PDB file of N, CA and C in Angstrom:
ATOM      1  N   ASP A   1      36.429  28.501  -2.245  1.00  0.00           N
ATOM      2  CA  ASP A   1      35.642  27.498  -1.513  1.00  0.00           C
ATOM      3  C   ASP A   1      34.149  27.814  -1.596  1.00  0.00           C
ATOM      4  N   LEU A   2      33.830  29.092  -1.446  1.00  0.00           N
ATOM      5  CA  LEU A   2      32.417  29.470  -1.501  1.00  0.00           C
ATOM      6  C   LEU A   2      31.823  29.171  -2.876  1.00  0.00           C
ATOM      7  N   GLN A   3      32.579  29.434  -3.910  1.00  0.00           N
ATOM      8  CA  GLN A   3      32.071  29.158  -5.250  1.00  0.00           C
ATOM      9  C   GLN A   3      31.870  27.662  -5.446  1.00  0.00           C
ATOM     10  N   GLY A   4      32.784  26.863  -4.908  1.00  0.00           N
ATOM     11  CA  GLY A   4      32.630  25.417  -4.999  1.00  0.00           C
ATOM     12  C   GLY A   4      31.390  24.950  -4.250  1.00  0.00           C
ATOM     13  N   LEU A   5      31.170  25.517  -3.071  1.00  0.00           N
ATOM     14  CA  LEU A   5      29.985  25.160  -2.288  1.00  0.00           C
ATOM     15  C   LEU A   5      28.707  25.635  -2.964  1.00  0.00           C
ATOM     16  N   ARG A   6      28.773  26.788  -3.603  1.00  0.00           N
ATOM     17  CA  ARG A   6      27.586  27.278  -4.319  1.00  0.00           C
ATOM     18  C   ARG A   6      27.243  26.351  -5.478  1.00  0.00           C
ATOM     19  N   LYS A   7      28.288  25.869  -6.150  1.00  0.00           N
ATOM     20  CA  LYS A   7      28.057  24.929  -7.250  1.00  0.00           C
ATOM     21  C   LYS A   7      27.416  23.648  -6.722  1.00  0.00           C
ATOM     22  N   VAL A   8      27.921  23.139  -5.596  1.00  0.00           N
ATOM     23  CA  VAL A   8      27.335  21.948  -4.982  1.00  0.00           C
ATOM     24  C   VAL A   8      25.897  22.228  -4.577  1.00  0.00           C
ATOM     25  N   PHE A   9      25.677  23.400  -4.000  1.00  0.00           N
ATOM     26  CA  PHE A   9      24.326  23.780  -3.592  1.00  0.00           C
ATOM     27  C   PHE A   9      23.392  23.844  -4.800  1.00  0.00           C
ATOM     28  N   ASP A  10      23.863  24.450  -5.898  1.00  0.00           N
ATOM     29  CA  ASP A  10      23.053  24.517  -7.119  1.00  0.00           C
ATOM     30  C   ASP A  10      22.764  23.129  -7.673  1.00  0.00           C
ATOM     31  N   ASP A  11      23.769  22.245  -7.658  1.00  0.00           N
ATOM     32  CA  ASP A  11      23.568  20.872  -8.131  1.00  0.00           C
ATOM     33  C   ASP A  11      22.521  20.153  -7.286  1.00  0.00           C
ATOM     34  N   LEU A  12      22.600  20.343  -5.989  1.00  0.00           N
ATOM     35  CA  LEU A  12      21.624  19.694  -5.100  1.00  0.00           C
ATOM     36  C   LEU A  12      20.231  20.248  -5.339  1.00  0.00           C
ATOM     37  N   THR A  13      20.148  21.532  -5.583  1.00  0.00           N
ATOM     38  CA  THR A  13      18.845  22.133  -5.866  1.00  0.00           C
ATOM     39  C   THR A  13      18.269  21.555  -7.154  1.00  0.00           C
ATOM     40  N   LEU A  14      19.104  21.387  -8.170  1.00  0.00           N
ATOM     41  CA  LEU A  14      18.646  20.796  -9.426  1.00  0.00           C
ATOM     42  C   LEU A  14      18.201  19.352  -9.219  1.00  0.00           C
ATOM     43  N   GLN A  15      18.951  18.603  -8.425  1.00  0.00           N
ATOM     44  CA  GLN A  15      18.576  17.213  -8.156  1.00  0.00           C
ATOM     45  C   GLN A  15      17.242  17.153  -7.412  1.00  0.00           C
ATOM     46  N   LYS A  16      17.071  18.045  -6.454  1.00  0.00           N
ATOM     47  CA  LYS A  16      15.818  18.075  -5.697  1.00  0.00           C
ATOM     48  C   LYS A  16      14.644  18.387  -6.615  1.00  0.00           C
ATOM     49  N   THR A  17      14.816  19.348  -7.501  1.00  0.00           N
ATOM     50  CA  THR A  17      13.769  19.700  -8.458  1.00  0.00           C
ATOM     51  C   THR A  17      13.454  18.521  -9.371  1.00  0.00           C
ATOM     52  N   ASP A  18      14.499  17.832  -9.828  1.00  0.00           N
ATOM     53  CA  ASP A  18      14.315  16.658 -10.678  1.00  0.00           C
ATOM     54  C   ASP A  18      13.521  15.577  -9.955  1.00  0.00           C
ATOM     55  N   LEU A  19      13.843  15.356  -8.696  1.00  0.00           N
ATOM     56  CA  LEU A  19      13.125  14.334  -7.916  1.00  0.00           C
ATOM     57  C   LEU A  19      11.664  14.727  -7.703  1.00  0.00           C
ATOM     58  N   GLU A  20      11.426  15.999  -7.474  1.00  0.00           N
ATOM     59  CA  GLU A  20      10.044  16.455  -7.317  1.00  0.00           C
ATOM     60  C   GLU A  20       9.265  16.259  -8.612  1.00  0.00           C
ATOM     61  N   ILE A  21       9.904  16.500  -9.741  1.00  0.00           N
ATOM     62  CA  ILE A  21       9.250  16.284 -11.037  1.00  0.00           C
ATOM     63  C   ILE A  21       8.955  14.797 -11.229  1.00  0.00           C
ATOM     64  N   GLN A  22       9.901  13.935 -10.826  1.00  0.00           N
ATOM     65  CA  GLN A  22       9.674  12.489 -10.941  1.00  0.00           C
ATOM     66  C   GLN A  22       8.502  12.049 -10.068  1.00  0.00           C
ATOM     67  N   ILE A  23       8.406  12.594  -8.872  1.00  0.00           N
ATOM     68  CA  ILE A  23       7.290  12.258  -7.979  1.00  0.00           C
ATOM     69  C   ILE A  23       5.976  12.675  -8.624  1.00  0.00           C
ATOM     70  N   GLU A  24       5.942  13.861  -9.190  1.00  0.00           N
ATOM     71  CA  GLU A  24       4.728  14.343  -9.852  1.00  0.00           C
ATOM     72  C   GLU A  24       4.368  13.448 -11.037  1.00  0.00           C
ATOM     73  N   SER A  25       5.380  13.039 -11.789  1.00  0.00           N
ATOM     74  CA  SER A  25       5.151  12.169 -12.942  1.00  0.00           C
ATOM     75  C   SER A  25       4.588  10.829 -12.502  1.00  0.00           C
ATOM     76  N   LEU A  26       5.144  10.258 -11.441  1.00  0.00           N
ATOM     77  CA  LEU A  26       4.643   8.969 -10.948  1.00  0.00           C
ATOM     78  C   LEU A  26       3.221   9.094 -10.410  1.00  0.00           C
ATOM     79  N   THR A  27       2.919  10.223  -9.791  1.00  0.00           N
ATOM     80  CA  THR A  27       1.558  10.444  -9.298  1.00  0.00           C
ATOM     81  C   THR A  27       0.581  10.498 -10.469  1.00  0.00           C
ATOM     82  N   GLU A  28       0.970  11.198 -11.536  1.00  0.00           N
ATOM     83  CA  GLU A  28       0.108  11.255 -12.716  1.00  0.00           C
ATOM     84  C   GLU A  28      -0.041   9.879 -13.354  1.00  0.00           C
ATOM     85  N   GLU A  29       1.035   9.110 -13.377  1.00  0.00           N
ATOM     86  CA  GLU A  29       0.991   7.771 -13.956  1.00  0.00           C
ATOM     87  C   GLU A  29       0.042   6.869 -13.160  1.00  0.00           C
ATOM     88  N   LEU A  30       0.078   6.984 -11.837  1.00  0.00           N
ATOM     89  CA  LEU A  30      -0.825   6.188 -11.004  1.00  0.00           C
ATOM     90  C   LEU A  30      -2.279   6.576 -11.271  1.00  0.00           C
ATOM     91  N   ALA A  31      -2.537   7.874 -11.397  1.00  0.00           N
ATOM     92  CA  ALA A  31      -3.903   8.325 -11.687  1.00  0.00           C
ATOM     93  C   ALA A  31      -4.367   7.777 -13.035  1.00  0.00           C
ATOM     94  N   PHE A  32      -3.484   7.790 -14.019  1.00  0.00           N
ATOM     95  CA  PHE A  32      -3.825   7.252 -15.341  1.00  0.00           C
ATOM     96  C   PHE A  32      -4.112   5.756 -15.251  1.00  0.00           C
ATOM     97  N   LEU A  33      -3.281   5.015 -14.512  1.00  0.00           N
ATOM     98  CA  LEU A  33      -3.492   3.573 -14.372  1.00  0.00           C
ATOM     99  C   LEU A  33      -4.819   3.280 -13.677  1.00  0.00           C
ATOM    100  N   LYS A  34      -5.151   4.058 -12.667  1.00  0.00           N
ATOM    101  CA  LYS A  34      -6.429   3.876 -11.976  1.00  0.00           C
ATOM    102  C   LYS A  34      -7.593   4.112 -12.934  1.00  0.00           C
ATOM    103  N   LYS A  35      -7.490   5.183 -13.730  1.00  0.00           N
ATOM    104  CA  LYS A  35      -8.561   5.506 -14.676  1.00  0.00           C
ATOM    105  C   LYS A  35      -8.713   4.391 -15.717  1.00  0.00           C
ATOM    106  N   ALA A  36      -7.594   3.911 -16.255  1.00  0.00           N
ATOM    107  CA  ALA A  36      -7.645   2.838 -17.248  1.00  0.00           C
ATOM    108  C   ALA A  36      -8.234   1.570 -16.641  1.00  0.00           C
ATOM    109  N   HIS A  37      -7.865   1.282 -15.414  1.00  0.00           N
ATOM    110  CA  HIS A  37      -8.390   0.092 -14.738  1.00  0.00           C
ATOM    111  C   HIS A  37      -9.900   0.202 -14.552  1.00  0.00           C
ATOM    112  N   GLU A  38     -10.368   1.369 -14.127  1.00  0.00           N
ATOM    113  CA  GLU A  38     -11.808   1.564 -13.941  1.00  0.00           C
ATOM    114  C   GLU A  38     -12.552   1.423 -15.275  1.00  0.00           C
ATOM    115  N   GLU A  39     -11.964   1.932 -16.352  1.00  0.00           N
ATOM    116  CA  GLU A  39     -12.593   1.796 -17.667  1.00  0.00           C
ATOM    117  C   GLU A  39     -12.656   0.330 -18.088  1.00  0.00           C
ATOM    118  N   ASP A  40     -11.600  -0.430 -17.826  1.00  0.00           N
ATOM    119  CA  ASP A  40     -11.589  -1.855 -18.156  1.00  0.00           C
ATOM    120  C   ASP A  40     -12.668  -2.596 -17.382  1.00  0.00           C
ATOM    121  N   ILE A  41     -12.797  -2.286 -16.111  1.00  0.00           N
ATOM    122  CA  ILE A  41     -13.818  -2.944 -15.285  1.00  0.00           C
ATOM    123  C   ILE A  41     -15.208  -2.589 -15.797  1.00  0.00           C
ATOM    124  N   ALA A  42     -15.429  -1.314 -16.127  1.00  0.00           N
ATOM    125  CA  ALA A  42     -16.734  -0.905 -16.646  1.00  0.00           C
ATOM    126  C   ALA A  42     -17.030  -1.609 -17.965  1.00  0.00           C
ATOM    127  N   ASN A  43     -16.031  -1.756 -18.796  1.00  0.00           N
ATOM    128  CA  ASN A  43     -16.194  -2.435 -20.078  1.00  0.00           C
ATOM    129  C   ASN A  43     -16.560  -3.902 -19.867  1.00  0.00           C
ATOM    130  N   LEU A  44     -15.836  -4.558 -18.965  1.00  0.00           N
ATOM    131  CA  LEU A  44     -16.130  -5.975 -18.694  1.00  0.00           C
ATOM    132  C   LEU A  44     -17.523  -6.147 -18.088  1.00  0.00           C
ATOM    133  N   ARG A  45     -17.893  -5.263 -17.206  1.00  0.00           N
ATOM    134  CA  ARG A  45     -19.239  -5.352 -16.617  1.00  0.00           C
ATOM    135  C   ARG A  45     -20.306  -5.109 -17.677  1.00  0.00           C
ATOM    136  N   GLY A  46     -20.022  -4.198 -18.606  1.00  0.00           N
ATOM    137  CA  GLY A  46     -20.965  -3.943 -19.701  1.00  0.00           C
ATOM    138  C   GLY A  46     -21.131  -5.158 -20.581  1.00  0.00           C
ATOM    139  N   GLN A  47     -20.036  -5.866 -20.820  1.00  0.00           N
ATOM    140  CA  GLN A  47     -20.109  -7.079 -21.635  1.00  0.00           C
ATOM    141  C   GLN A  47     -20.873  -8.173 -20.913  1.00  0.00           C
ATOM    142  N   LEU A  48     -20.701  -8.260 -19.604  1.00  0.00           N
ATOM    143  CA  LEU A  48     -21.416  -9.286 -18.846  1.00  0.00           C
ATOM    144  C   LEU A  48     -22.916  -8.989 -18.785  1.00  0.00           C
ATOM    145  N   GLY A  49     -23.266  -7.693 -18.849  1.00  0.00           N
ATOM    146  CA  GLY A  49     -24.671  -7.317 -18.782  1.00  0.00           C
ATOM    147  C   GLY A  49     -25.442  -7.676 -20.040  1.00  0.00           C
ATOM    148  N   LYS A  50     -24.761  -7.886 -21.139  1.00  0.00           N
ATOM    149  CA  LYS A  50     -25.413  -8.198 -22.410  1.00  0.00           C
ATOM    150  C   LYS A  50     -25.438  -9.714 -22.595  1.00  0.00           C
ATOM    151  N   THR A  51     -26.388 -10.365 -21.976  1.00  0.00           N
ATOM    152  CA  THR A  51     -26.473 -11.813 -22.076  1.00  0.00           C
ATOM    153  C   THR A  51     -27.580 -12.195 -23.060  1.00  0.00           C
ATOM    154  N   VAL A  52     -27.435 -13.350 -23.646  1.00  0.00           N
ATOM    155  CA  VAL A  52     -28.401 -13.853 -24.611  1.00  0.00           C
ATOM    156  C   VAL A  52     -28.883 -15.220 -24.123  1.00  0.00           C
ATOM    157  N   ASN A  53     -30.185 -15.433 -24.164  1.00  0.00           N
ATOM    158  CA  ASN A  53     -30.744 -16.724 -23.774  1.00  0.00           C
ATOM    159  C   ASN A  53     -31.045 -17.530 -25.026  1.00  0.00           C
ATOM    160  N   VAL A  54     -30.470 -18.705 -25.108  1.00  0.00           N
ATOM    161  CA  VAL A  54     -30.699 -19.593 -26.240  1.00  0.00           C
ATOM    162  C   VAL A  54     -31.087 -20.950 -25.665  1.00  0.00           C
ATOM    163  N   GLU A  55     -32.193 -21.474 -26.168  1.00  0.00           N
ATOM    164  CA  GLU A  55     -32.626 -22.785 -25.706  1.00  0.00           C
ATOM    165  C   GLU A  55     -32.329 -23.808 -26.798  1.00  0.00           C
ATOM    166  N   VAL A  56     -31.684 -24.904 -26.388  1.00  0.00           N
ATOM    167  CA  VAL A  56     -31.311 -25.944 -27.326  1.00  0.00           C
ATOM    168  C   VAL A  56     -31.767 -27.275 -26.738  1.00  0.00           C
ATOM    169  N   ASP A  57     -32.330 -28.104 -27.597  1.00  0.00           N
ATOM    170  CA  ASP A  57     -32.700 -29.445 -27.144  1.00  0.00           C
ATOM    171  C   ASP A  57     -31.465 -30.329 -27.241  1.00  0.00           C
ATOM    172  N   ALA A  58     -30.730 -30.365 -26.157  1.00  0.00           N
ATOM    173  CA  ALA A  58     -29.509 -31.164 -26.126  1.00  0.00           C
ATOM    174  C   ALA A  58     -29.313 -31.666 -24.707  1.00  0.00           C
ATOM    175  N   ALA A  59     -28.314 -32.431 -24.550  1.00  0.00           N
ATOM    176  CA  ALA A  59     -28.013 -32.945 -23.218  1.00  0.00           C
ATOM    177  C   ALA A  59     -27.699 -31.766 -22.295  1.00  0.00           C
ATOM    178  N   PRO A  60     -28.075 -31.918 -21.042  1.00  0.00           N
ATOM    179  CA  PRO A  60     -27.808 -30.818 -20.120  1.00  0.00           C
ATOM    180  C   PRO A  60     -26.296 -30.532 -20.051  1.00  0.00           C
ATOM    181  N   GLY A  61     -25.979 -29.256 -20.157  1.00  0.00           N
ATOM    182  CA  GLY A  61     -24.570 -28.851 -20.149  1.00  0.00           C
ATOM    183  C   GLY A  61     -24.214 -28.185 -18.835  1.00  0.00           C
ATOM    184  N   HIS A  62     -23.158 -27.499 -18.889  1.00  0.00           N
ATOM    185  CA  HIS A  62     -22.692 -26.791 -17.705  1.00  0.00           C
ATOM    186  C   HIS A  62     -23.546 -25.553 -17.482  1.00  0.00           C
ATOM    187  N   ASP A  63     -23.633 -25.153 -16.233  1.00  0.00           N
ATOM    188  CA  ASP A  63     -24.372 -23.939 -15.899  1.00  0.00           C
ATOM    189  C   ASP A  63     -23.499 -22.736 -16.264  1.00  0.00           C
ATOM    190  N   LEU A  64     -23.828 -22.105 -17.377  1.00  0.00           N
ATOM    191  CA  LEU A  64     -23.011 -21.010 -17.877  1.00  0.00           C
ATOM    192  C   LEU A  64     -23.029 -19.803 -16.952  1.00  0.00           C
ATOM    193  N   ALA A  65     -24.138 -19.553 -16.285  1.00  0.00           N
ATOM    194  CA  ALA A  65     -24.207 -18.411 -15.369  1.00  0.00           C
ATOM    195  C   ALA A  65     -23.190 -18.579 -14.232  1.00  0.00           C
ATOM    196  N   THR A  66     -23.097 -19.794 -13.715  1.00  0.00           N
ATOM    197  CA  THR A  66     -22.141 -20.057 -12.639  1.00  0.00           C
ATOM    198  C   THR A  66     -20.712 -19.899 -13.146  1.00  0.00           C
ATOM    199  N   ILE A  67     -20.463 -20.436 -14.324  1.00  0.00           N
ATOM    200  CA  ILE A  67     -19.124 -20.318 -14.905  1.00  0.00           C
ATOM    201  C   ILE A  67     -18.773 -18.851 -15.143  1.00  0.00           C
ATOM    202  N   MET A  68     -19.726 -18.097 -15.676  1.00  0.00           N
ATOM    203  CA  MET A  68     -19.482 -16.673 -15.920  1.00  0.00           C
ATOM    204  C   MET A  68     -19.226 -15.930 -14.611  1.00  0.00           C
ATOM    205  N   ASN A  69     -19.998 -16.256 -13.578  1.00  0.00           N
ATOM    206  CA  ASN A  69     -19.782 -15.612 -12.280  1.00  0.00           C
ATOM    207  C   ASN A  69     -18.401 -15.936 -11.725  1.00  0.00           C
ATOM    208  N   GLU A  70     -17.986 -17.184 -11.868  1.00  0.00           N
ATOM    209  CA  GLU A  70     -16.652 -17.573 -11.405  1.00  0.00           C
ATOM    210  C   GLU A  70     -15.573 -16.822 -12.183  1.00  0.00           C
ATOM    211  N   MET A  71     -15.754 -16.739 -13.495  1.00  0.00           N
ATOM    212  CA  MET A  71     -14.781 -16.020 -14.320  1.00  0.00           C
ATOM    213  C   MET A  71     -14.722 -14.542 -13.927  1.00  0.00           C
ATOM    214  N   ARG A  72     -15.900 -13.957 -13.715  1.00  0.00           N
ATOM    215  CA  ARG A  72     -15.953 -12.551 -13.318  1.00  0.00           C
ATOM    216  C   ARG A  72     -15.234 -12.343 -11.995  1.00  0.00           C
ATOM    217  N   GLN A  73     -15.464 -13.239 -11.042  1.00  0.00           N
ATOM    218  CA  GLN A  73     -14.799 -13.131  -9.740  1.00  0.00           C
ATOM    219  C   GLN A  73     -13.280 -13.252  -9.897  1.00  0.00           C
ATOM    220  N   LYS A  74     -12.844 -14.190 -10.754  1.00  0.00           N
ATOM    221  CA  LYS A  74     -11.405 -14.348 -10.976  1.00  0.00           C
ATOM    222  C   LYS A  74     -10.803 -13.078 -11.577  1.00  0.00           C
ATOM    223  N   TYR A  75     -11.491 -12.500 -12.574  1.00  0.00           N
ATOM    224  CA  TYR A  75     -10.983 -11.286 -13.196  1.00  0.00           C
ATOM    225  C   TYR A  75     -10.977 -10.115 -12.218  1.00  0.00           C
ATOM    226  N   GLU A  76     -12.005 -10.037 -11.376  1.00  0.00           N
ATOM    227  CA  GLU A  76     -12.032  -8.969 -10.381  1.00  0.00           C
ATOM    228  C   GLU A  76     -10.898  -9.141  -9.377  1.00  0.00           C
ATOM    229  N   LEU A  77     -10.629 -10.375  -8.979  1.00  0.00           N
ATOM    230  CA  LEU A  77      -9.503 -10.625  -8.070  1.00  0.00           C
ATOM    231  C   LEU A  77      -8.174 -10.259  -8.729  1.00  0.00           C
ATOM    232  N   MET A  78      -8.041 -10.633 -10.002  1.00  0.00           N
ATOM    233  CA  MET A  78      -6.814 -10.283 -10.720  1.00  0.00           C
ATOM    234  C   MET A  78      -6.665  -8.764 -10.823  1.00  0.00           C
ATOM    235  N   ALA A  79      -7.776  -8.085 -11.099  1.00  0.00           N
ATOM    236  CA  ALA A  79      -7.733  -6.630 -11.219  1.00  0.00           C
ATOM    237  C   ALA A  79      -7.348  -6.000  -9.880  1.00  0.00           C
ATOM    238  N   GLN A  80      -7.918  -6.506  -8.799  1.00  0.00           N
ATOM    239  CA  GLN A  80      -7.577  -5.991  -7.471  1.00  0.00           C
ATOM    240  C   GLN A  80      -6.111  -6.257  -7.153  1.00  0.00           C
ATOM    241  N   LYS A  81      -5.644  -7.442  -7.493  1.00  0.00           N
ATOM    242  CA  LYS A  81      -4.245  -7.797  -7.251  1.00  0.00           C
ATOM    243  C   LYS A  81      -3.323  -6.877  -8.047  1.00  0.00           C
ATOM    244  N   ASN A  82      -3.643  -6.667  -9.317  1.00  0.00           N
ATOM    245  CA  ASN A  82      -2.835  -5.782 -10.152  1.00  0.00           C
ATOM    246  C   ASN A  82      -2.840  -4.350  -9.618  1.00  0.00           C
ATOM    247  N   LEU A  83      -3.993  -3.891  -9.170  1.00  0.00           N
ATOM    248  CA  LEU A  83      -4.079  -2.554  -8.605  1.00  0.00           C
ATOM    249  C   LEU A  83      -3.236  -2.458  -7.340  1.00  0.00           C
ATOM    250  N   GLN A  84      -3.322  -3.470  -6.491  1.00  0.00           N
ATOM    251  CA  GLN A  84      -2.540  -3.480  -5.259  1.00  0.00           C
ATOM    252  C   GLN A  84      -1.040  -3.490  -5.570  1.00  0.00           C
ATOM    253  N   GLU A  85      -0.640  -4.291  -6.551  1.00  0.00           N
ATOM    254  CA  GLU A  85       0.776  -4.341  -6.931  1.00  0.00           C
ATOM    255  C   GLU A  85       1.234  -2.992  -7.472  1.00  0.00           C
ATOM    256  N   ALA A  86       0.383  -2.352  -8.268  1.00  0.00           N
ATOM    257  CA  ALA A  86       0.729  -1.032  -8.805  1.00  0.00           C
ATOM    258  C   ALA A  86       0.866  -0.015  -7.671  1.00  0.00           C
ATOM    259  N   LYS A  87      -0.055  -0.082  -6.700  1.00  0.00           N
ATOM    260  CA  LYS A  87       0.026   0.824  -5.558  1.00  0.00           C
ATOM    261  C   LYS A  87       1.302   0.588  -4.765  1.00  0.00           C
ATOM    262  N   GLU A  88       1.628  -0.679  -4.514  1.00  0.00           N
ATOM    263  CA  GLU A  88       2.820  -0.999  -3.748  1.00  0.00           C
ATOM    264  C   GLU A  88       4.072  -0.528  -4.474  1.00  0.00           C
ATOM    265  N   GLN A  89       4.118  -0.752  -5.775  1.00  0.00           N
ATOM    266  CA  GLN A  89       5.270  -0.319  -6.565  1.00  0.00           C
ATOM    267  C   GLN A  89       5.385   1.201  -6.543  1.00  0.00           C
ATOM    268  N   PHE A  90       4.262   1.880  -6.682  1.00  0.00           N
ATOM    269  CA  PHE A  90       4.263   3.334  -6.641  1.00  0.00           C
ATOM    270  C   PHE A  90       4.729   3.833  -5.274  1.00  0.00           C
ATOM    271  N   GLU A  91       4.191   3.245  -4.202  1.00  0.00           N
ATOM    272  CA  GLU A  91       4.575   3.662  -2.856  1.00  0.00           C
ATOM    273  C   GLU A  91       6.057   3.404  -2.605  1.00  0.00           C
ATOM    274  N   LYS A  92       6.575   2.295  -3.115  1.00  0.00           N
ATOM    275  CA  LYS A  92       8.003   2.006  -2.950  1.00  0.00           C
ATOM    276  C   LYS A  92       8.836   3.053  -3.680  1.00  0.00           C
ATOM    277  N   ARG A  93       8.428   3.398  -4.892  1.00  0.00           N
ATOM    278  CA  ARG A  93       9.155   4.422  -5.639  1.00  0.00           C
ATOM    279  C   ARG A  93       9.106   5.760  -4.906  1.00  0.00           C
ATOM    280  N   ILE A  94       7.929   6.096  -4.387  1.00  0.00           N
ATOM    281  CA  ILE A  94       7.779   7.351  -3.648  1.00  0.00           C
ATOM    282  C   ILE A  94       8.686   7.339  -2.423  1.00  0.00           C
ATOM    283  N   GLU A  95       8.710   6.230  -1.681  1.00  0.00           N
ATOM    284  CA  GLU A  95       9.566   6.133  -0.497  1.00  0.00           C
ATOM    285  C   GLU A  95      11.032   6.303  -0.883  1.00  0.00           C
ATOM    286  N   ASP A  96      11.449   5.636  -1.963  1.00  0.00           N
ATOM    287  CA  ASP A  96      12.830   5.761  -2.409  1.00  0.00           C
ATOM    288  C   ASP A  96      13.155   7.212  -2.767  1.00  0.00           C
ATOM    289  N   LEU A  97      12.240   7.842  -3.476  1.00  0.00           N
ATOM    290  CA  LEU A  97      12.470   9.229  -3.875  1.00  0.00           C
ATOM    291  C   LEU A  97      12.474  10.154  -2.660  1.00  0.00           C
ATOM    292  N   GLN A  98      11.628   9.872  -1.680  1.00  0.00           N
ATOM    293  CA  GLN A  98      11.602  10.698  -0.483  1.00  0.00           C
ATOM    294  C   GLN A  98      12.899  10.559   0.303  1.00  0.00           C
ATOM    295  N   VAL A  99      13.456   9.360   0.322  1.00  0.00           N
ATOM    296  CA  VAL A  99      14.742   9.165   0.988  1.00  0.00           C
ATOM    297  C   VAL A  99      15.807   9.996   0.286  1.00  0.00           C
ATOM    298  N   VAL A 100      15.808   9.944  -1.038  1.00  0.00           N
ATOM    299  CA  VAL A 100      16.789  10.717  -1.798  1.00  0.00           C
ATOM    300  C   VAL A 100      16.593  12.211  -1.553  1.00  0.00           C
ATOM    301  N   VAL A 101      15.355  12.650  -1.499  1.00  0.00           N
ATOM    302  CA  VAL A 101      15.069  14.062  -1.241  1.00  0.00           C
ATOM    303  C   VAL A 101      15.547  14.441   0.157  1.00  0.00           C
ATOM    304  N   ARG A 102      15.289  13.581   1.147  1.00  0.00           N
ATOM    305  CA  ARG A 102      15.748  13.865   2.512  1.00  0.00           C
ATOM    306  C   ARG A 102      17.267  13.973   2.564  1.00  0.00           C
ATOM    307  N   VAL A 103      17.938  13.027   1.913  1.00  0.00           N
ATOM    308  CA  VAL A 103      19.406  13.051   1.907  1.00  0.00           C
ATOM    309  C   VAL A 103      19.888  14.332   1.233  1.00  0.00           C
ATOM    310  N   SER A 104      19.289  14.669   0.103  1.00  0.00           N
ATOM    311  CA  SER A 104      19.686  15.885  -0.599  1.00  0.00           C
ATOM    312  C   SER A 104      19.420  17.115   0.255  1.00  0.00           C
ATOM    313  N   THR A 105      18.295  17.145   0.950  1.00  0.00           N
ATOM    314  CA  THR A 105      17.963  18.264   1.825  1.00  0.00           C
ATOM    315  C   THR A 105      18.969  18.366   2.960  1.00  0.00           C
ATOM    316  N   ASP A 106      19.318  17.228   3.536  1.00  0.00           N
ATOM    317  CA  ASP A 106      20.327  17.230   4.604  1.00  0.00           C
ATOM    318  C   ASP A 106      21.656  17.744   4.083  1.00  0.00           C
ATOM    319  N   GLU A 107      22.025  17.316   2.890  1.00  0.00           N
ATOM    320  CA  GLU A 107      23.276  17.789   2.299  1.00  0.00           C
ATOM    321  C   GLU A 107      23.216  19.288   2.040  1.00  0.00           C
ATOM    322  N   ILE A 108      22.094  19.761   1.597  1.00  0.00           N
ATOM    323  CA  ILE A 108      21.928  21.193   1.357  1.00  0.00           C
ATOM    324  C   ILE A 108      22.078  21.952   2.673  1.00  0.00           C
ATOM    325  N   LYS A 109      21.422  21.458   3.714  1.00  0.00           N
ATOM    326  CA  LYS A 109      21.520  22.124   5.021  1.00  0.00           C
ATOM    327  C   LYS A 109      22.962  22.117   5.521  1.00  0.00           C
ATOM    328  N   THR A 110      23.644  20.997   5.346  1.00  0.00           N
ATOM    329  CA  THR A 110      25.041  20.911   5.765  1.00  0.00           C
ATOM    330  C   THR A 110      25.886  21.906   4.984  1.00  0.00           C
ATOM    331  N   ASN A 111      25.671  21.962   3.690  1.00  0.00           N
ATOM    332  CA  ASN A 111      26.418  22.904   2.853  1.00  0.00           C
ATOM    333  C   ASN A 111      26.094  24.345   3.216  1.00  0.00           C
ATOM    334  N   GLU A 112      24.834  24.618   3.508  1.00  0.00           N
ATOM    335  CA  GLU A 112      24.465  25.967   3.927  1.00  0.00           C
ATOM    336  C   GLU A 112      25.157  26.319   5.236  1.00  0.00           C
ATOM    337  N   ALA A 113      25.217  25.359   6.155  1.00  0.00           N
ATOM    338  CA  ALA A 113      25.896  25.604   7.424  1.00  0.00           C
ATOM    339  C   ALA A 113      27.379  25.855   7.194  1.00  0.00           C
ATOM    340  N   GLN A 114      27.984  25.098   6.286  1.00  0.00           N
ATOM    341  CA  GLN A 114      29.395  25.297   5.984  1.00  0.00           C
ATOM    342  C   GLN A 114      29.622  26.660   5.340  1.00  0.00           C
ATOM    343  N   VAL A 115      28.730  27.060   4.450  1.00  0.00           N
ATOM    344  CA  VAL A 115      28.829  28.384   3.810  1.00  0.00           C
ATOM    345  C   VAL A 115      28.721  29.464   4.879  1.00  0.00           C
ATOM    346  N   THR A 116      27.765  29.301   5.780  1.00  0.00           N
ATOM    347  CA  THR A 116      27.576  30.293   6.851  1.00  0.00           C
ATOM    348  C   THR A 116      28.822  30.323   7.738  1.00  0.00           C
ATOM    349  N   GLU A 117      29.328  29.177   8.061  1.00  0.00           N
ATOM    350  CA  GLU A 117      30.517  29.101   8.900  1.00  0.00           C
ATOM    351  C   GLU A 117      31.706  29.740   8.211  1.00  0.00           C
ATOM    352  N   LEU A 118      31.864  29.490   6.915  1.00  0.00           N
ATOM    353  CA  LEU A 118      32.968  30.064   6.174  1.00  0.00           C
ATOM    354  C   LEU A 118      32.843  31.591   6.042  1.00  0.00           C
ATOM    355  N   ARG A 119      31.595  32.064   5.966  1.00  0.00           N
ATOM    356  CA  ARG A 119      31.401  33.521   5.902  1.00  0.00           C
ATOM    357  C   ARG A 119      31.845  34.138   7.198  1.00  0.00           C
TER     358      ARG A 119
END
């Protein structure tokens, strides 16, 4: 019985380690996504900063500055939305993994108590 419980205990320890590695991996992935997002925003802002003025004798057209500002605002909103969705997805994964870790920890404690009781 003790050997069987030790095997269960070892399996739970391996599962706990695996879950901790997954949490670390997801944390690194979130950091990478944040960095990539910041680079994209910096790139888009750099492109918006390079404007060219051209005067043409033609019928009055649309105000390009206003259109560009609207587009920039839309892209910034989309970027914020995507970041928020990524954060929510990451937090949900973390919560799920924490639940699994808690359950595994409880099982380990129960098994340890059973081992102690059997001793």
